[in-house]
Amino acid sequence: MTERAPVNLTGIPETMLWTLHNRASEAKRPDAILRDPDAIRIYESVRYDFERSFGKPDGSHAMRSRCEFRAIVTTRFAAS
């Protein structure tokens, strides 16, 4: 197994790890509504205590992303 890379982020840049935590956790589920192999790959390649910083993963983030994507696509389709 490859050694995990340490993460040295703080403040606002560190908050992107919260999104990564939620996306990868959702994508790893067998019944995932969001498929994101890149999020899983990145999540598994870094050494960071996600749950200590952000708590347990929250599935609402994936659902919100899916709804926003659907709204964007619908709006663009309707406009064309």
N, C-alpha and C. Protein backbone atom coordinates (compact mmCIF):
# COMPACT_ATOMS: atom_id res chain seq x y z
N MET A 1 0.84 -1.20 0.00
CA MET A 1 0.00 0.00 0.00
C MET A 1 0.88 1.25 0.00
N THR A 2 0.46 2.24 -0.73
CA THR A 2 1.18 3.50 -0.81
C THR A 2 0.98 4.30 0.47
N GLU A 3 2.05 4.97 0.89
CA GLU A 3 1.94 5.79 2.09
C GLU A 3 1.07 7.00 1.80
N ARG A 4 0.24 7.35 2.77
CA ARG A 4 -0.65 8.50 2.60
C ARG A 4 0.12 9.81 2.79
N ALA A 5 -0.24 10.80 1.98
CA ALA A 5 0.41 12.10 2.05
C ALA A 5 -0.21 12.93 3.17
N PRO A 6 0.62 13.61 3.96
CA PRO A 6 0.06 14.47 5.02
C PRO A 6 -0.60 15.70 4.41
N VAL A 7 -1.59 16.23 5.11
CA VAL A 7 -2.30 17.43 4.67
C VAL A 7 -1.95 18.55 5.64
N ASN A 8 -1.50 19.66 5.10
CA ASN A 8 -1.13 20.82 5.92
C ASN A 8 -1.94 22.04 5.51
N LEU A 9 -3.24 21.96 5.70
CA LEU A 9 -4.12 23.07 5.38
C LEU A 9 -4.77 23.59 6.66
N THR A 10 -5.05 24.87 6.70
CA THR A 10 -5.77 25.47 7.82
C THR A 10 -6.73 26.52 7.27
N GLY A 11 -7.62 26.95 8.12
CA GLY A 11 -8.53 28.03 7.74
C GLY A 11 -9.44 27.65 6.59
N ILE A 12 -9.73 28.63 5.76
CA ILE A 12 -10.65 28.42 4.65
C ILE A 12 -10.20 27.31 3.70
N PRO A 13 -8.91 27.22 3.30
CA PRO A 13 -8.51 26.13 2.42
C PRO A 13 -8.81 24.74 3.01
N GLU A 14 -8.74 24.61 4.33
CA GLU A 14 -9.01 23.32 4.96
C GLU A 14 -10.46 22.89 4.78
N THR A 15 -11.36 23.84 4.60
CA THR A 15 -12.78 23.48 4.47
C THR A 15 -13.08 22.67 3.21
N MET A 16 -12.21 22.73 2.21
CA MET A 16 -12.44 21.89 1.02
C MET A 16 -12.34 20.42 1.37
N LEU A 17 -11.64 20.10 2.45
CA LEU A 17 -11.54 18.71 2.89
C LEU A 17 -12.87 18.21 3.44
N TRP A 18 -13.69 19.10 3.94
CA TRP A 18 -15.02 18.73 4.44
C TRP A 18 -15.86 18.20 3.27
N THR A 19 -15.82 18.91 2.16
CA THR A 19 -16.54 18.48 0.96
C THR A 19 -15.99 17.14 0.47
N LEU A 20 -14.68 17.01 0.46
CA LEU A 20 -14.06 15.75 0.04
C LEU A 20 -14.51 14.61 0.95
N HIS A 21 -14.54 14.85 2.24
CA HIS A 21 -14.97 13.85 3.23
C HIS A 21 -16.38 13.36 2.92
N ASN A 22 -17.27 14.27 2.67
CA ASN A 22 -18.66 13.90 2.40
C ASN A 22 -18.84 13.25 1.02
N ARG A 23 -18.18 13.78 0.01
CA ARG A 23 -18.31 13.21 -1.35
C ARG A 23 -17.74 11.80 -1.40
N ALA A 24 -16.55 11.61 -0.86
CA ALA A 24 -15.92 10.29 -0.90
C ALA A 24 -16.70 9.29 -0.07
N SER A 25 -17.17 9.70 1.08
CA SER A 25 -17.93 8.79 1.94
C SER A 25 -19.21 8.35 1.26
N GLU A 26 -19.89 9.26 0.59
CA GLU A 26 -21.10 8.91 -0.14
C GLU A 26 -20.77 8.01 -1.33
N ALA A 27 -19.73 8.36 -2.08
CA ALA A 27 -19.37 7.59 -3.27
C ALA A 27 -18.95 6.16 -2.94
N LYS A 28 -18.46 5.93 -1.74
CA LYS A 28 -18.03 4.59 -1.32
C LYS A 28 -19.20 3.69 -0.94
N ARG A 29 -20.37 4.26 -0.73
CA ARG A 29 -21.54 3.47 -0.35
C ARG A 29 -22.02 2.62 -1.54
N PRO A 30 -22.48 1.39 -1.29
CA PRO A 30 -22.97 0.57 -2.39
C PRO A 30 -24.23 1.16 -3.05
N ASP A 31 -25.01 1.93 -2.30
CA ASP A 31 -26.24 2.53 -2.83
C ASP A 31 -26.08 4.03 -3.05
N ALA A 32 -24.88 4.45 -3.37
CA ALA A 32 -24.56 5.88 -3.51
C ALA A 32 -25.41 6.57 -4.56
N ILE A 33 -25.82 7.81 -4.26
CA ILE A 33 -26.52 8.62 -5.26
C ILE A 33 -25.53 9.47 -6.04
N LEU A 34 -24.28 9.48 -5.58
CA LEU A 34 -23.24 10.28 -6.21
C LEU A 34 -22.03 9.37 -6.42
N ARG A 35 -21.63 9.18 -7.65
CA ARG A 35 -20.45 8.37 -7.98
C ARG A 35 -19.29 9.33 -8.23
N ASP A 36 -18.20 9.15 -7.50
CA ASP A 36 -17.05 10.03 -7.67
C ASP A 36 -15.77 9.27 -7.35
N PRO A 37 -15.27 8.49 -8.31
CA PRO A 37 -14.05 7.72 -8.05
C PRO A 37 -12.84 8.59 -7.75
N ASP A 38 -12.80 9.81 -8.29
CA ASP A 38 -11.67 10.70 -8.00
C ASP A 38 -11.69 11.15 -6.54
N ALA A 39 -12.87 11.43 -6.01
CA ALA A 39 -12.97 11.82 -4.60
C ALA A 39 -12.49 10.67 -3.71
N ILE A 40 -12.88 9.45 -4.04
CA ILE A 40 -12.43 8.29 -3.27
C ILE A 40 -10.92 8.15 -3.34
N ARG A 41 -10.37 8.27 -4.53
CA ARG A 41 -8.92 8.14 -4.72
C ARG A 41 -8.15 9.18 -3.91
N ILE A 42 -8.59 10.43 -3.96
CA ILE A 42 -7.91 11.50 -3.22
C ILE A 42 -8.10 11.29 -1.72
N TYR A 43 -9.30 10.98 -1.30
CA TYR A 43 -9.62 10.75 0.11
C TYR A 43 -8.73 9.67 0.71
N GLU A 44 -8.54 8.60 -0.05
CA GLU A 44 -7.73 7.48 0.44
C GLU A 44 -6.24 7.71 0.30
N SER A 45 -5.84 8.79 -0.36
CA SER A 45 -4.40 9.04 -0.55
C SER A 45 -3.82 10.06 0.43
N VAL A 46 -4.68 10.68 1.24
CA VAL A 46 -4.17 11.68 2.19
C VAL A 46 -4.28 11.17 3.63
N ARG A 47 -3.38 11.65 4.46
CA ARG A 47 -3.39 11.32 5.88
C ARG A 47 -4.00 12.53 6.61
N TYR A 48 -5.24 12.36 7.03
CA TYR A 48 -5.96 13.46 7.68
C TYR A 48 -7.08 12.84 8.51
N ASP A 49 -7.31 13.36 9.69
CA ASP A 49 -8.37 12.85 10.56
C ASP A 49 -9.67 13.62 10.26
N PHE A 50 -10.37 13.16 9.23
CA PHE A 50 -11.58 13.84 8.77
C PHE A 50 -12.65 13.90 9.86
N GLU A 51 -12.89 12.80 10.54
CA GLU A 51 -13.95 12.78 11.55
C GLU A 51 -13.63 13.67 12.75
N ARG A 52 -12.36 13.79 13.11
CA ARG A 52 -12.00 14.68 14.21
C ARG A 52 -12.32 16.13 13.85
N SER A 53 -12.06 16.49 12.61
CA SER A 53 -12.27 17.87 12.18
C SER A 53 -13.71 18.17 11.79
N PHE A 54 -14.39 17.20 11.16
CA PHE A 54 -15.70 17.49 10.56
C PHE A 54 -16.83 16.61 11.06
N GLY A 55 -16.52 15.61 11.88
CA GLY A 55 -17.55 14.71 12.36
C GLY A 55 -17.86 13.62 11.33
N LYS A 56 -18.91 12.89 11.59
CA LYS A 56 -19.30 11.81 10.69
C LYS A 56 -19.76 12.40 9.36
N PRO A 57 -19.60 11.66 8.26
CA PRO A 57 -20.04 12.16 6.95
C PRO A 57 -21.54 12.46 6.96
N ASP A 58 -21.91 13.45 6.16
CA ASP A 58 -23.30 13.90 6.08
C ASP A 58 -23.81 13.69 4.66
N GLY A 59 -24.72 12.75 4.48
CA GLY A 59 -25.24 12.43 3.15
C GLY A 59 -26.00 13.56 2.49
N SER A 60 -26.42 14.55 3.27
CA SER A 60 -27.18 15.66 2.66
C SER A 60 -26.33 16.45 1.68
N HIS A 61 -25.02 16.43 1.82
CA HIS A 61 -24.16 17.16 0.89
C HIS A 61 -24.26 16.56 -0.51
N ALA A 62 -24.26 15.24 -0.58
CA ALA A 62 -24.37 14.58 -1.89
C ALA A 62 -25.73 14.85 -2.51
N MET A 63 -26.77 14.79 -1.70
CA MET A 63 -28.12 15.04 -2.22
C MET A 63 -28.24 16.48 -2.72
N ARG A 64 -27.68 17.42 -1.98
CA ARG A 64 -27.72 18.82 -2.39
C ARG A 64 -26.98 19.00 -3.71
N SER A 65 -25.82 18.36 -3.86
CA SER A 65 -25.06 18.45 -5.12
C SER A 65 -25.86 17.91 -6.28
N ARG A 66 -26.51 16.78 -6.05
CA ARG A 66 -27.31 16.16 -7.12
C ARG A 66 -28.47 17.08 -7.51
N CYS A 67 -29.15 17.66 -6.53
CA CYS A 67 -30.28 18.55 -6.82
C CYS A 67 -29.82 19.80 -7.56
N GLU A 68 -28.69 20.37 -7.14
CA GLU A 68 -28.18 21.57 -7.81
C GLU A 68 -27.78 21.25 -9.24
N PHE A 69 -27.14 20.10 -9.45
CA PHE A 69 -26.75 19.70 -10.80
C PHE A 69 -27.99 19.54 -11.68
N ARG A 70 -28.99 18.87 -11.13
CA ARG A 70 -30.23 18.65 -11.89
C ARG A 70 -30.88 19.99 -12.25
N ALA A 71 -30.87 20.93 -11.32
CA ALA A 71 -31.47 22.25 -11.58
C ALA A 71 -30.71 22.99 -12.68
N ILE A 72 -29.39 22.90 -12.66
CA ILE A 72 -28.57 23.57 -13.68
C ILE A 72 -28.85 22.96 -15.05
N VAL A 73 -28.85 21.63 -15.12
CA VAL A 73 -29.10 20.96 -16.40
C VAL A 73 -30.49 21.28 -16.92
N THR A 74 -31.47 21.24 -16.03
CA THR A 74 -32.86 21.54 -16.44
C THR A 74 -32.98 22.96 -16.95
N THR A 75 -32.35 23.91 -16.26
CA THR A 75 -32.40 25.31 -16.67
C THR A 75 -31.74 25.50 -18.03
N ARG A 76 -30.59 24.88 -18.24
CA ARG A 76 -29.91 25.01 -19.52
C ARG A 76 -30.69 24.35 -20.65
N PHE A 77 -31.29 23.20 -20.36
CA PHE A 77 -32.08 22.50 -21.37
C PHE A 77 -33.30 23.34 -21.75
N ALA A 78 -33.95 23.92 -20.76
CA ALA A 78 -35.14 24.72 -21.02
C ALA A 78 -34.80 25.99 -21.81
N ALA A 79 -33.58 26.51 -21.60
CA ALA A 79 -33.19 27.73 -22.29
C ALA A 79 -32.81 27.49 -23.75
N SER A 80 -32.52 26.23 -24.09
CA SER A 80 -32.09 25.97 -25.48
C SER A 80 -33.22 25.56 -26.38
